[in-house]
Amino acid sequence: MIHRGIRPPRRGLSLLEILLSMAILVLAMTAIWRLVDMGTDSATEARAYIRGTRLAESKMAEVEAGAIGLEGAEGQFSDDDAVWSFSVTSQPAGPPNLYQVTVRVYRDLQGRTVEVSLSQMIFDPALIGSTAQAERPAAASSTTGGGTSP
């Protein structure tokens, strides 16, 4: 006997199932692509801050060595770092020849400014080792020991 009302199990997928799975795949790939893009932007920014910190430390070392005066300076780095600019400012910090020096390094990165600022207390390198600020030691007493002679 032949039963005409019962269908055999179908093989494969319908067009609707394929379209739905493709839509899910496209949405998932879009989300993953955006996350990768955000991660790349964050990594680029982190590299810029690290480079800016190294350049600021380099300029601060130049100030400490006396290659850049405490009266301040502005300019751009050379060679590979030509996109970076710097400014050096200083203010007297109380005791003679002690200055609060601030080095600011900055650049434009994808429409935003990346800025690193470094501050440090520095003695005037032009006067380090100078006797101009040295104080005389107190006069030594002529008696040493304080004992009586036999």
Protein backbone atom coordinates (compact mmCIF):
# COMPACT_ATOMS: atom_id res chain seq x y z
CA MET A 1 0.00 0.00 0.00
CA ILE A 2 1.26 3.52 -0.86
CA HIS A 3 0.72 6.38 1.57
CA ARG A 4 0.57 9.66 -0.21
CA GLY A 5 0.10 11.92 2.88
CA ILE A 6 3.48 11.23 4.46
CA ARG A 7 6.51 13.01 3.07
CA PRO A 8 10.00 11.64 3.37
CA PRO A 9 12.37 13.74 5.54
CA ARG A 10 13.83 16.58 3.51
CA ARG A 11 17.50 17.03 2.92
CA GLY A 12 19.32 20.42 2.99
CA LEU A 13 18.24 23.87 4.14
CA SER A 14 15.52 26.16 3.00
CA LEU A 15 16.22 29.57 1.47
CA LEU A 16 14.83 31.29 4.58
CA GLU A 17 17.24 29.44 6.90
CA ILE A 18 20.19 30.34 4.69
CA LEU A 19 19.22 34.03 4.61
CA LEU A 20 18.75 34.11 8.38
CA SER A 21 22.13 32.48 9.03
CA MET A 22 23.83 34.90 6.60
CA ALA A 23 22.26 37.89 8.38
CA ILE A 24 23.51 36.62 11.74
CA LEU A 25 26.98 36.08 10.28
CA VAL A 26 27.11 39.62 8.82
CA LEU A 27 26.02 41.18 12.15
CA ALA A 28 28.60 39.17 14.08
CA MET A 29 31.39 40.05 11.65
CA THR A 30 30.47 43.75 11.84
CA ALA A 31 30.65 43.68 15.65
CA ILE A 32 33.98 41.83 15.61
CA TRP A 33 35.41 44.25 13.03
CA ARG A 34 34.43 47.22 15.20
CA LEU A 35 36.09 45.64 18.27
CA VAL A 36 39.29 45.03 16.30
CA ASP A 37 39.21 48.64 15.09
CA MET A 38 38.78 49.95 18.65
CA GLY A 39 41.66 47.77 19.85
CA THR A 40 43.92 49.05 17.09
CA ASP A 41 43.10 52.68 17.96
CA SER A 42 43.84 52.03 21.64
CA ALA A 43 47.16 50.37 20.80
CA THR A 44 48.16 53.29 18.56
CA GLU A 45 47.34 55.78 21.30
CA ALA A 46 49.25 53.76 23.91
CA ARG A 47 52.32 53.66 21.64
CA ALA A 48 52.06 57.43 21.20
CA TYR A 49 51.96 58.02 24.98
CA ILE A 50 54.94 55.73 25.51
CA ARG A 51 56.94 57.54 22.81
CA GLY A 52 55.91 60.92 24.21
CA THR A 53 57.05 59.88 27.69
CA ARG A 54 60.46 58.83 26.38
CA LEU A 55 60.86 62.09 24.46
CA ALA A 56 59.86 64.12 27.55
CA GLU A 57 62.42 62.24 29.66
CA SER A 58 65.04 62.92 27.00
CA LYS A 59 64.33 66.67 27.04
CA MET A 60 64.37 66.70 30.84
CA ALA A 61 67.81 65.05 30.75
CA GLU A 62 68.98 67.79 28.38
CA VAL A 63 67.77 70.42 30.85
CA GLU A 64 69.53 68.63 33.73
CA ALA A 65 72.75 68.52 31.71
CA GLY A 66 72.52 72.21 30.85
CA ALA A 67 72.05 71.71 27.10
CA ILE A 68 68.73 73.56 27.34
CA GLY A 69 68.65 76.65 29.54
CA LEU A 70 66.19 77.21 32.36
CA GLU A 71 64.81 80.31 30.63
CA GLY A 72 62.63 77.93 28.58
CA ALA A 73 62.53 76.63 25.07
CA GLU A 74 60.10 75.49 22.40
CA GLY A 75 60.54 73.57 19.21
CA GLN A 76 60.17 70.33 17.35
CA PHE A 77 62.13 67.14 17.53
CA SER A 78 64.16 66.13 14.52
CA ASP A 79 64.45 63.05 12.30
CA ASP A 80 61.89 60.33 13.04
CA ASP A 81 60.13 62.38 15.71
CA ALA A 82 59.47 65.50 13.63
CA VAL A 83 55.72 65.24 14.32
CA TRP A 84 56.40 65.81 18.03
CA SER A 85 56.77 69.32 19.52
CA PHE A 86 58.05 70.30 22.95
CA SER A 87 58.08 73.22 25.36
CA VAL A 88 60.23 73.69 28.45
CA THR A 89 59.19 76.08 31.22
CA SER A 90 60.69 76.70 34.65
CA GLN A 91 59.78 78.62 37.78
CA PRO A 92 61.86 79.36 40.86
CA ALA A 93 60.92 76.94 43.61
CA GLY A 94 62.09 78.66 46.78
CA PRO A 95 65.71 78.03 47.71
CA PRO A 96 68.34 79.74 45.53
CA ASN A 97 69.03 78.01 42.21
CA LEU A 98 66.19 75.48 42.63
CA TYR A 99 63.62 75.44 39.83
CA GLN A 100 60.41 73.58 39.05
CA VAL A 101 60.95 72.53 35.43
CA THR A 102 58.07 71.29 33.27
CA VAL A 103 58.63 69.60 29.93
CA ARG A 104 55.55 69.28 27.73
CA VAL A 105 55.67 67.04 24.65
CA TYR A 106 52.71 66.92 22.26
CA ARG A 107 51.53 65.90 18.79
CA ASP A 108 48.37 65.52 16.74
CA LEU A 109 47.20 61.92 16.33
CA GLN A 110 44.09 61.19 14.27
CA GLY A 111 42.54 64.57 15.04
CA ARG A 112 43.31 64.46 18.78
CA THR A 113 46.23 65.95 20.66
CA VAL A 114 48.43 63.50 22.54
CA GLU A 115 50.26 65.34 25.31
CA VAL A 116 52.75 64.16 27.91
CA SER A 117 53.90 66.51 30.67
CA LEU A 118 56.82 65.86 33.02
CA SER A 119 57.73 68.05 36.03
CA GLN A 120 60.80 67.89 38.19
CA MET A 121 62.73 70.00 40.68
CA ILE A 122 66.19 70.82 39.31
CA PHE A 123 69.11 72.82 40.58
CA ASP A 124 70.44 75.28 38.00
CA PRO A 125 72.96 73.18 36.05
CA ALA A 126 75.04 76.29 35.31
CA LEU A 127 75.79 76.63 39.02
CA ILE A 128 76.24 73.01 40.05
CA GLY A 129 79.75 72.55 41.34
CA SER A 130 80.20 76.28 41.72
CA THR A 131 81.40 77.76 44.96
CA ALA A 132 79.11 80.75 44.52
CA GLN A 133 76.49 79.38 46.91
CA ALA A 134 78.83 77.49 49.25
CA GLU A 135 78.78 78.44 52.91
CA ARG A 136 81.82 78.64 55.12
CA PRO A 137 81.91 76.02 57.80
CA ALA A 138 81.63 77.27 61.34
CA ALA A 139 84.97 78.25 62.94
CA ALA A 140 86.57 75.27 64.60
CA SER A 141 87.38 75.66 68.26
CA SER A 142 91.08 75.83 69.13
CA THR A 143 90.80 73.36 71.97
CA THR A 144 90.27 69.78 71.13
CA GLY A 145 89.79 67.08 73.64
CA GLY A 146 89.09 69.38 76.61
CA GLY A 147 91.19 67.32 79.07
CA THR A 148 93.78 68.63 81.54
CA SER A 149 97.45 68.10 80.98
CA PRO A 150 99.45 66.08 83.54
